[in-house]
Amino acid sequence: MSGLLWIIVVGFIAGILARLISPGPNNPQGFILTTVLGIAGAFIATWIGQAIGHYSPNQGAGFITATIGAVVVLFIWNRLVASGVIRDRQ
């Protein structure tokens, strides 16, 4: 349970950092969506890290890896918005 809580907290911070690192016109609007994308990035970073054996099953991604994961998720979000697959409210 503490591993899941750690991923959520790190993902929250990673989402904010990812938003600061890669600002642009297609960034998700709103605090909640940015946080959700950051948490998704942290989960993806944890999953990949555990799959390649970098993290143990009870260990979550660190701040740097989670931030990289959040930037990747934000990039994918931006490409989906740019192609019109997802409509971003502005």
N, C-alpha and C. Protein backbone atom coordinates (compact mmCIF):
# COMPACT_ATOMS: atom_id res chain seq x y z
N MET A 1 0.82 -1.20 0.00
CA MET A 1 0.00 0.00 0.00
C MET A 1 0.85 1.25 0.00
N SER A 2 1.97 1.24 0.73
CA SER A 2 2.82 2.42 0.78
C SER A 2 3.48 2.66 -0.57
N GLY A 3 3.72 1.59 -1.35
CA GLY A 3 4.29 1.74 -2.69
C GLY A 3 3.34 2.49 -3.61
N LEU A 4 2.07 2.19 -3.52
CA LEU A 4 1.06 2.87 -4.33
C LEU A 4 0.95 4.34 -3.94
N LEU A 5 0.97 4.61 -2.65
CA LEU A 5 0.92 5.99 -2.18
C LEU A 5 2.15 6.76 -2.63
N TRP A 6 3.32 6.11 -2.59
CA TRP A 6 4.55 6.74 -3.05
C TRP A 6 4.46 7.09 -4.53
N ILE A 7 3.93 6.18 -5.35
CA ILE A 7 3.79 6.44 -6.79
C ILE A 7 2.87 7.64 -7.02
N ILE A 8 1.80 7.74 -6.27
CA ILE A 8 0.85 8.85 -6.44
C ILE A 8 1.50 10.17 -6.04
N VAL A 9 2.20 10.20 -4.92
CA VAL A 9 2.85 11.44 -4.47
C VAL A 9 3.95 11.85 -5.45
N VAL A 10 4.78 10.90 -5.86
CA VAL A 10 5.84 11.21 -6.81
C VAL A 10 5.24 11.63 -8.15
N GLY A 11 4.18 10.97 -8.58
CA GLY A 11 3.51 11.33 -9.83
C GLY A 11 2.91 12.72 -9.80
N PHE A 12 2.40 13.11 -8.67
CA PHE A 12 1.86 14.46 -8.49
C PHE A 12 2.95 15.50 -8.72
N ILE A 13 4.09 15.30 -8.07
CA ILE A 13 5.20 16.24 -8.22
C ILE A 13 5.78 16.16 -9.63
N ALA A 14 5.87 14.96 -10.18
CA ALA A 14 6.41 14.79 -11.53
C ALA A 14 5.52 15.46 -12.56
N GLY A 15 4.21 15.42 -12.36
CA GLY A 15 3.29 16.09 -13.29
C GLY A 15 3.50 17.59 -13.30
N ILE A 16 3.70 18.16 -12.13
CA ILE A 16 3.96 19.59 -12.05
C ILE A 16 5.30 19.93 -12.72
N LEU A 17 6.32 19.13 -12.44
CA LEU A 17 7.63 19.36 -13.07
C LEU A 17 7.58 19.19 -14.58
N ALA A 18 6.85 18.18 -15.05
CA ALA A 18 6.72 17.96 -16.49
C ALA A 18 6.03 19.13 -17.16
N ARG A 19 5.06 19.69 -16.48
CA ARG A 19 4.35 20.86 -17.03
C ARG A 19 5.30 22.04 -17.14
N LEU A 20 6.20 22.21 -16.18
CA LEU A 20 7.17 23.30 -16.23
C LEU A 20 8.25 23.05 -17.28
N ILE A 21 8.63 21.79 -17.46
CA ILE A 21 9.69 21.44 -18.40
C ILE A 21 9.22 21.60 -19.85
N SER A 22 8.01 21.18 -20.14
CA SER A 22 7.54 21.18 -21.53
C SER A 22 6.26 21.97 -21.69
N PRO A 23 6.32 23.29 -21.50
CA PRO A 23 5.11 24.09 -21.72
C PRO A 23 4.83 24.20 -23.22
N GLY A 24 3.59 24.42 -23.55
CA GLY A 24 3.22 24.56 -24.95
C GLY A 24 1.74 24.86 -25.07
N PRO A 25 1.31 25.14 -26.27
CA PRO A 25 -0.10 25.51 -26.46
C PRO A 25 -1.08 24.37 -26.24
N ASN A 26 -0.61 23.12 -26.36
CA ASN A 26 -1.51 21.98 -26.22
C ASN A 26 -1.42 21.31 -24.87
N ASN A 27 -0.81 21.96 -23.89
CA ASN A 27 -0.74 21.35 -22.56
C ASN A 27 -2.12 21.18 -21.98
N PRO A 28 -2.31 20.12 -21.22
CA PRO A 28 -3.64 19.94 -20.61
C PRO A 28 -3.94 21.08 -19.67
N GLN A 29 -5.14 21.55 -19.74
CA GLN A 29 -5.56 22.66 -18.90
C GLN A 29 -6.06 22.13 -17.57
N GLY A 30 -5.62 22.75 -16.54
CA GLY A 30 -6.15 22.40 -15.23
C GLY A 30 -5.19 21.60 -14.38
N PHE A 31 -5.31 21.84 -13.13
CA PHE A 31 -4.47 21.22 -12.12
C PHE A 31 -4.71 19.72 -12.04
N ILE A 32 -5.97 19.31 -12.09
CA ILE A 32 -6.31 17.89 -11.91
C ILE A 32 -5.79 17.06 -13.08
N LEU A 33 -5.97 17.53 -14.31
CA LEU A 33 -5.52 16.76 -15.46
C LEU A 33 -4.00 16.66 -15.50
N THR A 34 -3.31 17.74 -15.15
CA THR A 34 -1.85 17.70 -15.09
C THR A 34 -1.40 16.69 -14.05
N THR A 35 -2.05 16.67 -12.91
CA THR A 35 -1.71 15.72 -11.85
C THR A 35 -1.97 14.28 -12.31
N VAL A 36 -3.08 14.05 -12.98
CA VAL A 36 -3.40 12.70 -13.46
C VAL A 36 -2.37 12.24 -14.49
N LEU A 37 -1.96 13.13 -15.38
CA LEU A 37 -0.94 12.76 -16.36
C LEU A 37 0.40 12.47 -15.68
N GLY A 38 0.72 13.21 -14.63
CA GLY A 38 1.94 12.95 -13.87
C GLY A 38 1.89 11.61 -13.16
N ILE A 39 0.76 11.29 -12.57
CA ILE A 39 0.60 10.01 -11.90
C ILE A 39 0.66 8.87 -12.92
N ALA A 40 0.07 9.07 -14.09
CA ALA A 40 0.15 8.07 -15.15
C ALA A 40 1.60 7.86 -15.58
N GLY A 41 2.35 8.94 -15.68
CA GLY A 41 3.76 8.83 -16.03
C GLY A 41 4.55 8.08 -14.97
N ALA A 42 4.24 8.31 -13.70
CA ALA A 42 4.92 7.60 -12.62
C ALA A 42 4.58 6.11 -12.64
N PHE A 43 3.32 5.78 -12.92
CA PHE A 43 2.94 4.37 -13.02
C PHE A 43 3.64 3.70 -14.20
N ILE A 44 3.73 4.39 -15.33
CA ILE A 44 4.41 3.82 -16.49
C ILE A 44 5.89 3.63 -16.20
N ALA A 45 6.51 4.63 -15.57
CA ALA A 45 7.93 4.52 -15.22
C ALA A 45 8.16 3.38 -14.24
N THR A 46 7.27 3.21 -13.27
CA THR A 46 7.38 2.11 -12.31
C THR A 46 7.22 0.76 -13.01
N TRP A 47 6.25 0.67 -13.88
CA TRP A 47 5.98 -0.59 -14.59
C TRP A 47 7.17 -0.98 -15.46
N ILE A 48 7.71 -0.01 -16.21
CA ILE A 48 8.86 -0.31 -17.07
C ILE A 48 10.08 -0.65 -16.21
N GLY A 49 10.29 0.09 -15.13
CA GLY A 49 11.42 -0.19 -14.24
C GLY A 49 11.34 -1.56 -13.61
N GLN A 50 10.14 -1.98 -13.22
CA GLN A 50 9.97 -3.31 -12.65
C GLN A 50 10.10 -4.39 -13.73
N ALA A 51 9.67 -4.09 -14.95
CA ALA A 51 9.76 -5.07 -16.03
C ALA A 51 11.20 -5.35 -16.43
N ILE A 52 12.05 -4.34 -16.37
CA ILE A 52 13.45 -4.55 -16.75
C ILE A 52 14.32 -4.93 -15.55
N GLY A 53 13.72 -4.99 -14.37
CA GLY A 53 14.44 -5.42 -13.18
C GLY A 53 15.16 -4.32 -12.43
N HIS A 54 14.89 -3.07 -12.77
CA HIS A 54 15.53 -1.95 -12.09
C HIS A 54 14.92 -1.70 -10.71
N TYR A 55 13.63 -1.95 -10.58
CA TYR A 55 12.93 -1.78 -9.31
C TYR A 55 12.39 -3.13 -8.85
N SER A 56 12.33 -3.30 -7.53
CA SER A 56 11.72 -4.52 -6.98
C SER A 56 10.20 -4.38 -7.08
N PRO A 57 9.47 -5.48 -6.91
CA PRO A 57 8.01 -5.42 -7.03
C PRO A 57 7.33 -4.44 -6.06
N ASN A 58 7.95 -4.17 -4.91
CA ASN A 58 7.34 -3.26 -3.94
C ASN A 58 7.90 -1.85 -4.01
N GLN A 59 8.69 -1.57 -5.02
CA GLN A 59 9.36 -0.28 -5.12
C GLN A 59 8.80 0.51 -6.29
N GLY A 60 8.63 1.81 -6.07
CA GLY A 60 8.14 2.70 -7.12
C GLY A 60 9.27 3.47 -7.77
N ALA A 61 8.94 4.15 -8.83
CA ALA A 61 9.93 4.96 -9.55
C ALA A 61 10.35 6.15 -8.70
N GLY A 62 11.56 6.62 -8.92
CA GLY A 62 12.05 7.80 -8.23
C GLY A 62 11.58 9.07 -8.92
N PHE A 63 11.97 10.20 -8.38
CA PHE A 63 11.50 11.48 -8.91
C PHE A 63 11.95 11.71 -10.35
N ILE A 64 13.20 11.41 -10.65
CA ILE A 64 13.72 11.67 -12.00
C ILE A 64 13.04 10.78 -13.02
N THR A 65 12.95 9.49 -12.72
CA THR A 65 12.32 8.56 -13.65
C THR A 65 10.83 8.86 -13.81
N ALA A 66 10.16 9.21 -12.73
CA ALA A 66 8.75 9.55 -12.81
C ALA A 66 8.54 10.83 -13.62
N THR A 67 9.45 11.79 -13.48
CA THR A 67 9.34 13.02 -14.26
C THR A 67 9.54 12.73 -15.74
N ILE A 68 10.49 11.86 -16.06
CA ILE A 68 10.68 11.48 -17.45
C ILE A 68 9.43 10.78 -17.99
N GLY A 69 8.86 9.89 -17.18
CA GLY A 69 7.61 9.23 -17.58
C GLY A 69 6.48 10.22 -17.79
N ALA A 70 6.39 11.23 -16.92
CA ALA A 70 5.35 12.24 -17.05
C ALA A 70 5.56 13.10 -18.30
N VAL A 71 6.82 13.40 -18.62
CA VAL A 71 7.10 14.16 -19.84
C VAL A 71 6.70 13.34 -21.07
N VAL A 72 6.95 12.04 -21.04
CA VAL A 72 6.55 11.17 -22.15
C VAL A 72 5.03 11.15 -22.29
N VAL A 73 4.32 11.00 -21.18
CA VAL A 73 2.85 10.99 -21.23
C VAL A 73 2.34 12.35 -21.72
N LEU A 74 2.95 13.43 -21.28
CA LEU A 74 2.55 14.76 -21.73
C LEU A 74 2.82 14.94 -23.22
N PHE A 75 3.93 14.40 -23.71
CA PHE A 75 4.23 14.45 -25.14
C PHE A 75 3.17 13.70 -25.94
N ILE A 76 2.82 12.50 -25.47
CA ILE A 76 1.77 11.72 -26.15
C ILE A 76 0.45 12.48 -26.14
N TRP A 77 0.12 13.09 -25.00
CA TRP A 77 -1.10 13.90 -24.90
C TRP A 77 -1.08 15.03 -25.94
N ASN A 78 0.06 15.72 -26.03
CA ASN A 78 0.18 16.83 -26.98
C ASN A 78 0.01 16.36 -28.41
N ARG A 79 0.56 15.21 -28.75
CA ARG A 79 0.41 14.69 -30.12
C ARG A 79 -1.04 14.30 -30.39
N LEU A 80 -1.72 13.73 -29.43
CA LEU A 80 -3.13 13.37 -29.63
C LEU A 80 -4.00 14.60 -29.79
N VAL A 81 -3.70 15.66 -29.04
CA VAL A 81 -4.45 16.91 -29.18
C VAL A 81 -4.15 17.56 -30.52
N ALA A 82 -2.89 17.56 -30.93
CA ALA A 82 -2.50 18.18 -32.20
C ALA A 82 -3.13 17.47 -33.39
N SER A 83 -3.29 16.16 -33.29
CA SER A 83 -3.90 15.42 -34.40
C SER A 83 -5.42 15.43 -34.35
N GLY A 84 -5.99 15.97 -33.29
CA GLY A 84 -7.44 16.07 -33.19
C GLY A 84 -8.13 14.86 -32.60
N VAL A 85 -7.38 13.89 -32.14
CA VAL A 85 -7.98 12.69 -31.53
C VAL A 85 -8.65 13.06 -30.20
N ILE A 86 -7.99 13.94 -29.44
CA ILE A 86 -8.53 14.40 -28.16
C ILE A 86 -8.74 15.90 -28.27
N ARG A 87 -9.88 16.37 -27.78
CA ARG A 87 -10.14 17.81 -27.79
C ARG A 87 -9.74 18.39 -26.44
N ASP A 88 -8.90 19.41 -26.48
CA ASP A 88 -8.42 20.05 -25.27
C ASP A 88 -9.20 21.35 -25.07
N ARG A 89 -9.86 21.46 -23.96
CA ARG A 89 -10.63 22.68 -23.66
C ARG A 89 -9.68 23.82 -23.32
N GLN A 90 -9.87 24.93 -23.97
CA GLN A 90 -9.04 26.10 -23.69
C GLN A 90 -9.88 27.32 -23.56
